[in-house]
Every structure is written in C-alpha cells, then in structure tokens.
Amino acid sequence: MSVGFMLLYSKLADFLSTKALFYTVIIPFIAFFGAFGFLLYRLSNYFQELYRWKKEHTDLVMDMWRAKMIDRVRDSVHELKRAVQMGKKVLWCDDETEEALKMLWKS
C-alpha cells in the first residue's frame, strides 16, 4: 500500500503545485480521522455486535464441520473393522497394522 501511495504521490507531484499537492494528500487523512471520531467511534457498539454475530456463526459452522469430520473418521474406522473381520486386504494399511487391528478387534 505504501508503494502505491508513493507512486500516486510522485504522479500527482508532476501535475499539481506544492500547495495543491499538500491539500490533496492531507484532506483524506483529516476526513478519515474526522469520520473515525464522529462516526465510527460512536457506532462501535454496532460493529462489536456485528463481530459477535460473525464469530458465533463462524463457531457454529466450525462445530458442524468438526462433527462431520468425526463422523467420517468413525465411518472409516467401522469400514476398516468390517474389512479386516471379513479377511479383506486393506490397501492403505500395511501387514503389521492389519495384524494389530485384527488382534485389537478380536479382544
């Protein structure tokens, strides 16, 4: 952003007088801090409520996603257990792990 400001400033310096360049650069800063003091600060409660609403909904979506992932892992474990009990070869499981799973699920 600072590089963009520098490029804009250098282009404006080619076309504007020193006084016009000064006011062109300083007025947006004054406008922002004025708006902050008189508008944004007074509306801070609204922005906090908006942030809380966003955070609550983000947390809800994350909990739903987490529950879905846990269900998928649980389903994968059950499928693996059925495959091992039926004597099928599990492709992503090496022989040692498969034997350990058979021992674990037999007990």
N, C-alpha and C. Protein backbone atom coordinates (compact mmCIF):
# COMPACT_ATOMS: atom_id res chain seq x y z
N MET A 1 0.82 -1.18 0.00
CA MET A 1 0.00 0.00 0.00
C MET A 1 0.87 1.26 0.00
N SER A 2 1.96 1.20 0.73
CA SER A 2 2.83 2.37 0.77
C SER A 2 3.50 2.62 -0.58
N VAL A 3 3.79 1.54 -1.30
CA VAL A 3 4.39 1.71 -2.63
C VAL A 3 3.37 2.37 -3.56
N GLY A 4 2.11 1.95 -3.44
CA GLY A 4 1.06 2.57 -4.25
C GLY A 4 0.89 4.04 -3.93
N PHE A 5 0.94 4.38 -2.64
CA PHE A 5 0.83 5.79 -2.25
C PHE A 5 2.01 6.59 -2.82
N MET A 6 3.21 6.00 -2.75
CA MET A 6 4.39 6.69 -3.26
C MET A 6 4.29 6.94 -4.77
N LEU A 7 3.81 5.93 -5.50
CA LEU A 7 3.65 6.09 -6.95
C LEU A 7 2.59 7.15 -7.27
N LEU A 8 1.48 7.12 -6.55
CA LEU A 8 0.43 8.12 -6.76
C LEU A 8 0.95 9.51 -6.43
N TYR A 9 1.68 9.62 -5.31
CA TYR A 9 2.23 10.91 -4.90
C TYR A 9 3.19 11.46 -5.95
N SER A 10 4.04 10.59 -6.47
CA SER A 10 5.01 11.06 -7.48
C SER A 10 4.31 11.49 -8.77
N LYS A 11 3.24 10.78 -9.16
CA LYS A 11 2.49 11.19 -10.35
C LYS A 11 1.77 12.52 -10.11
N LEU A 12 1.18 12.68 -8.91
CA LEU A 12 0.49 13.94 -8.59
C LEU A 12 1.48 15.10 -8.51
N ALA A 13 2.70 14.83 -8.03
CA ALA A 13 3.70 15.89 -7.92
C ALA A 13 4.10 16.44 -9.27
N ASP A 14 3.97 15.63 -10.32
CA ASP A 14 4.28 16.11 -11.67
C ASP A 14 3.23 17.10 -12.17
N PHE A 15 1.99 16.97 -11.71
CA PHE A 15 0.90 17.77 -12.26
C PHE A 15 0.41 18.90 -11.36
N LEU A 16 0.56 18.74 -10.04
CA LEU A 16 0.00 19.72 -9.10
C LEU A 16 1.08 20.63 -8.53
N SER A 17 0.64 21.81 -8.12
CA SER A 17 1.57 22.71 -7.42
C SER A 17 1.80 22.16 -6.01
N THR A 18 2.77 22.74 -5.32
CA THR A 18 3.11 22.27 -3.97
C THR A 18 1.93 22.42 -3.02
N LYS A 19 1.26 23.56 -3.07
CA LYS A 19 0.12 23.80 -2.18
C LYS A 19 -1.03 22.85 -2.51
N ALA A 20 -1.33 22.66 -3.78
CA ALA A 20 -2.42 21.76 -4.18
C ALA A 20 -2.09 20.31 -3.81
N LEU A 21 -0.83 19.92 -3.97
CA LEU A 21 -0.40 18.57 -3.61
C LEU A 21 -0.55 18.34 -2.11
N PHE A 22 -0.17 19.34 -1.31
CA PHE A 22 -0.30 19.24 0.14
C PHE A 22 -1.76 19.01 0.52
N TYR A 23 -2.67 19.83 0.00
CA TYR A 23 -4.08 19.69 0.35
C TYR A 23 -4.68 18.40 -0.21
N THR A 24 -4.22 17.96 -1.34
CA THR A 24 -4.71 16.71 -1.92
C THR A 24 -4.33 15.52 -1.05
N VAL A 25 -3.18 15.58 -0.43
CA VAL A 25 -2.72 14.47 0.41
C VAL A 25 -3.29 14.57 1.83
N ILE A 26 -3.38 15.78 2.39
CA ILE A 26 -3.76 15.91 3.79
C ILE A 26 -5.27 15.81 4.01
N ILE A 27 -6.09 16.20 3.04
CA ILE A 27 -7.55 16.19 3.23
C ILE A 27 -8.09 14.77 3.44
N PRO A 28 -7.66 13.74 2.71
CA PRO A 28 -8.17 12.39 3.02
C PRO A 28 -7.83 11.92 4.43
N PHE A 29 -6.65 12.28 4.94
CA PHE A 29 -6.30 11.91 6.31
C PHE A 29 -7.21 12.61 7.31
N ILE A 30 -7.42 13.90 7.13
CA ILE A 30 -8.30 14.65 8.03
C ILE A 30 -9.73 14.09 7.95
N ALA A 31 -10.18 13.77 6.74
CA ALA A 31 -11.53 13.21 6.58
C ALA A 31 -11.65 11.87 7.30
N PHE A 32 -10.64 11.01 7.18
CA PHE A 32 -10.71 9.71 7.84
C PHE A 32 -10.75 9.86 9.36
N PHE A 33 -9.85 10.65 9.93
CA PHE A 33 -9.82 10.79 11.38
C PHE A 33 -11.05 11.53 11.90
N GLY A 34 -11.58 12.44 11.10
CA GLY A 34 -12.84 13.09 11.48
C GLY A 34 -13.99 12.10 11.48
N ALA A 35 -14.07 11.29 10.44
CA ALA A 35 -15.11 10.27 10.38
C ALA A 35 -14.95 9.26 11.51
N PHE A 36 -13.73 8.92 11.84
CA PHE A 36 -13.50 7.98 12.93
C PHE A 36 -14.00 8.56 14.25
N GLY A 37 -13.64 9.80 14.51
CA GLY A 37 -14.03 10.41 15.78
C GLY A 37 -15.52 10.65 15.91
N PHE A 38 -16.18 11.03 14.84
CA PHE A 38 -17.58 11.40 14.93
C PHE A 38 -18.54 10.29 14.51
N LEU A 39 -18.10 9.35 13.69
CA LEU A 39 -19.00 8.30 13.22
C LEU A 39 -18.60 6.91 13.70
N LEU A 40 -17.41 6.49 13.36
CA LEU A 40 -17.01 5.12 13.64
C LEU A 40 -16.93 4.83 15.14
N TYR A 41 -16.41 5.73 15.91
CA TYR A 41 -16.29 5.51 17.34
C TYR A 41 -17.67 5.44 17.99
N ARG A 42 -18.59 6.28 17.55
CA ARG A 42 -19.94 6.27 18.11
C ARG A 42 -20.71 5.04 17.69
N LEU A 43 -20.36 4.45 16.56
CA LEU A 43 -21.02 3.23 16.09
C LEU A 43 -20.26 1.97 16.51
N SER A 44 -19.35 2.09 17.46
CA SER A 44 -18.53 0.94 17.84
C SER A 44 -19.37 -0.19 18.42
N ASN A 45 -20.47 0.13 19.12
CA ASN A 45 -21.33 -0.94 19.64
C ASN A 45 -21.94 -1.76 18.51
N TYR A 46 -22.34 -1.08 17.44
CA TYR A 46 -22.89 -1.79 16.29
C TYR A 46 -21.83 -2.72 15.69
N PHE A 47 -20.61 -2.23 15.54
CA PHE A 47 -19.56 -3.05 14.96
C PHE A 47 -19.20 -4.22 15.86
N GLN A 48 -19.27 -4.01 17.19
CA GLN A 48 -19.00 -5.11 18.12
C GLN A 48 -20.07 -6.18 18.01
N GLU A 49 -21.34 -5.77 17.89
CA GLU A 49 -22.42 -6.74 17.72
C GLU A 49 -22.26 -7.49 16.41
N LEU A 50 -21.89 -6.79 15.38
CA LEU A 50 -21.66 -7.43 14.09
C LEU A 50 -20.52 -8.45 14.18
N TYR A 51 -19.46 -8.08 14.90
CA TYR A 51 -18.34 -9.00 15.09
C TYR A 51 -18.79 -10.22 15.88
N ARG A 52 -19.56 -10.02 16.97
CA ARG A 52 -20.04 -11.16 17.77
C ARG A 52 -20.90 -12.09 16.93
N TRP A 53 -21.80 -11.50 16.11
CA TRP A 53 -22.67 -12.30 15.27
C TRP A 53 -21.83 -13.13 14.30
N LYS A 54 -20.83 -12.50 13.70
CA LYS A 54 -19.96 -13.20 12.75
C LYS A 54 -19.19 -14.31 13.45
N LYS A 55 -18.67 -14.02 14.64
CA LYS A 55 -17.91 -15.03 15.39
C LYS A 55 -18.79 -16.20 15.79
N GLU A 56 -20.01 -15.93 16.25
CA GLU A 56 -20.91 -17.01 16.65
C GLU A 56 -21.23 -17.91 15.47
N HIS A 57 -21.49 -17.30 14.32
CA HIS A 57 -21.82 -18.12 13.16
C HIS A 57 -20.59 -18.88 12.64
N THR A 58 -19.43 -18.29 12.73
CA THR A 58 -18.21 -18.99 12.34
C THR A 58 -17.97 -20.18 13.27
N ASP A 59 -18.17 -19.97 14.58
CA ASP A 59 -18.01 -21.07 15.53
C ASP A 59 -19.02 -22.19 15.26
N LEU A 60 -20.24 -21.82 14.91
CA LEU A 60 -21.26 -22.82 14.60
C LEU A 60 -20.88 -23.64 13.38
N VAL A 61 -20.42 -22.97 12.34
CA VAL A 61 -20.01 -23.69 11.13
C VAL A 61 -18.81 -24.58 11.42
N MET A 62 -17.87 -24.10 12.23
CA MET A 62 -16.71 -24.92 12.57
C MET A 62 -17.13 -26.15 13.37
N ASP A 63 -18.08 -26.01 14.30
CA ASP A 63 -18.56 -27.15 15.06
C ASP A 63 -19.26 -28.16 14.16
N MET A 64 -20.05 -27.67 13.23
CA MET A 64 -20.72 -28.58 12.29
C MET A 64 -19.69 -29.32 11.44
N TRP A 65 -18.68 -28.61 10.97
CA TRP A 65 -17.62 -29.22 10.17
C TRP A 65 -16.86 -30.26 10.98
N ARG A 66 -16.55 -29.92 12.23
CA ARG A 66 -15.82 -30.84 13.10
C ARG A 66 -16.64 -32.12 13.32
N ALA A 67 -17.95 -31.98 13.57
CA ALA A 67 -18.81 -33.14 13.78
C ALA A 67 -18.86 -34.00 12.52
N LYS A 68 -18.92 -33.38 11.36
CA LYS A 68 -18.95 -34.12 10.10
C LYS A 68 -17.65 -34.89 9.89
N MET A 69 -16.53 -34.26 10.21
CA MET A 69 -15.24 -34.94 10.05
C MET A 69 -15.11 -36.11 11.03
N ILE A 70 -15.61 -35.93 12.26
CA ILE A 70 -15.57 -37.03 13.23
C ILE A 70 -16.42 -38.18 12.75
N ASP A 71 -17.60 -37.88 12.18
CA ASP A 71 -18.44 -38.94 11.63
C ASP A 71 -17.74 -39.67 10.49
N ARG A 72 -17.04 -38.94 9.63
CA ARG A 72 -16.34 -39.58 8.53
C ARG A 72 -15.23 -40.48 9.03
N VAL A 73 -14.49 -40.04 10.04
CA VAL A 73 -13.42 -40.87 10.60
C VAL A 73 -14.02 -42.11 11.24
N ARG A 74 -15.11 -41.93 11.99
CA ARG A 74 -15.78 -43.06 12.63
C ARG A 74 -16.27 -44.06 11.59
N ASP A 75 -16.86 -43.56 10.49
CA ASP A 75 -17.30 -44.45 9.42
C ASP A 75 -16.13 -45.18 8.79
N SER A 76 -15.02 -44.50 8.61
CA SER A 76 -13.84 -45.13 8.02
C SER A 76 -13.31 -46.23 8.92
N VAL A 77 -13.32 -45.98 10.23
CA VAL A 77 -12.84 -47.00 11.18
C VAL A 77 -13.77 -48.21 11.15
N HIS A 78 -15.08 -47.99 11.09
CA HIS A 78 -16.02 -49.11 11.03
C HIS A 78 -15.85 -49.90 9.73
N GLU A 79 -15.65 -49.21 8.62
CA GLU A 79 -15.42 -49.90 7.36
C GLU A 79 -14.12 -50.71 7.41
N LEU A 80 -13.09 -50.15 8.02
CA LEU A 80 -11.83 -50.86 8.16
C LEU A 80 -12.02 -52.09 9.03
N LYS A 81 -12.78 -51.94 10.12
CA LYS A 81 -13.02 -53.06 11.02
C LYS A 81 -13.76 -54.18 10.29
N ARG A 82 -14.79 -53.83 9.51
CA ARG A 82 -15.54 -54.84 8.76
C ARG A 82 -14.66 -55.53 7.74
N ALA A 83 -13.82 -54.74 7.06
CA ALA A 83 -12.95 -55.32 6.04
C ALA A 83 -11.95 -56.29 6.67
N VAL A 84 -11.39 -55.92 7.80
CA VAL A 84 -10.41 -56.79 8.46
C VAL A 84 -11.09 -58.04 8.98
N GLN A 85 -12.29 -57.90 9.55
CA GLN A 85 -13.00 -59.07 10.08
C GLN A 85 -13.42 -60.03 8.97
N MET A 86 -13.71 -59.49 7.79
CA MET A 86 -14.10 -60.34 6.66
C MET A 86 -12.89 -60.92 5.96
N GLY A 87 -11.70 -60.52 6.36
CA GLY A 87 -10.49 -61.06 5.78
C GLY A 87 -10.05 -60.37 4.51
N LYS A 88 -10.62 -59.23 4.21
CA LYS A 88 -10.23 -58.49 3.01
C LYS A 88 -8.92 -57.76 3.26
N LYS A 89 -8.16 -57.58 2.21
CA LYS A 89 -6.91 -56.83 2.30
C LYS A 89 -7.23 -55.35 2.21
N VAL A 90 -6.72 -54.58 3.17
CA VAL A 90 -6.92 -53.14 3.18
C VAL A 90 -5.71 -52.51 2.49
N LEU A 91 -5.96 -51.77 1.44
CA LEU A 91 -4.86 -51.28 0.61
C LEU A 91 -3.96 -50.27 1.31
N TRP A 92 -4.53 -49.39 2.12
CA TRP A 92 -3.72 -48.34 2.71
C TRP A 92 -3.15 -48.73 4.07
N CYS A 93 -3.26 -50.02 4.41
CA CYS A 93 -2.80 -50.49 5.73
C CYS A 93 -1.73 -51.56 5.50
N ASP A 94 -0.57 -51.42 6.15
CA ASP A 94 0.47 -52.43 5.98
C ASP A 94 0.14 -53.67 6.81
N ASP A 95 0.90 -54.74 6.64
CA ASP A 95 0.59 -56.03 7.27
C ASP A 95 0.65 -55.95 8.79
N GLU A 96 1.64 -55.26 9.32
CA GLU A 96 1.76 -55.14 10.79
C GLU A 96 0.55 -54.44 11.39
N THR A 97 0.14 -53.35 10.77
CA THR A 97 -1.01 -52.61 11.28
C THR A 97 -2.27 -53.44 11.15
N GLU A 98 -2.41 -54.17 10.05
CA GLU A 98 -3.59 -55.01 9.86
C GLU A 98 -3.64 -56.10 10.92
N GLU A 99 -2.51 -56.71 11.22
CA GLU A 99 -2.47 -57.75 12.26
C GLU A 99 -2.81 -57.15 13.63
N ALA A 100 -2.28 -55.96 13.89
CA ALA A 100 -2.58 -55.31 15.17
C ALA A 100 -4.06 -54.99 15.27
N LEU A 101 -4.67 -54.56 14.19
CA LEU A 101 -6.11 -54.27 14.20
C LEU A 101 -6.93 -55.54 14.41
N LYS A 102 -6.52 -56.64 13.78
CA LYS A 102 -7.22 -57.90 13.98
C LYS A 102 -7.16 -58.34 15.44
N MET A 103 -5.98 -58.21 16.04
CA MET A 103 -5.82 -58.58 17.45
C MET A 103 -6.67 -57.68 18.34
N LEU A 104 -6.67 -56.40 18.02
CA LEU A 104 -7.41 -55.44 18.83
C LEU A 104 -8.90 -55.70 18.77
N TRP A 105 -9.42 -55.99 17.58
CA TRP A 105 -10.87 -56.14 17.43
C TRP A 105 -11.35 -57.52 17.80
N LYS A 106 -10.47 -58.49 17.89
CA LYS A 106 -10.88 -59.82 18.35
C LYS A 106 -11.08 -59.85 19.84
N SER A 107 -10.35 -59.00 20.55
CA SER A 107 -10.48 -59.00 22.02
C SER A 107 -11.62 -58.13 22.48
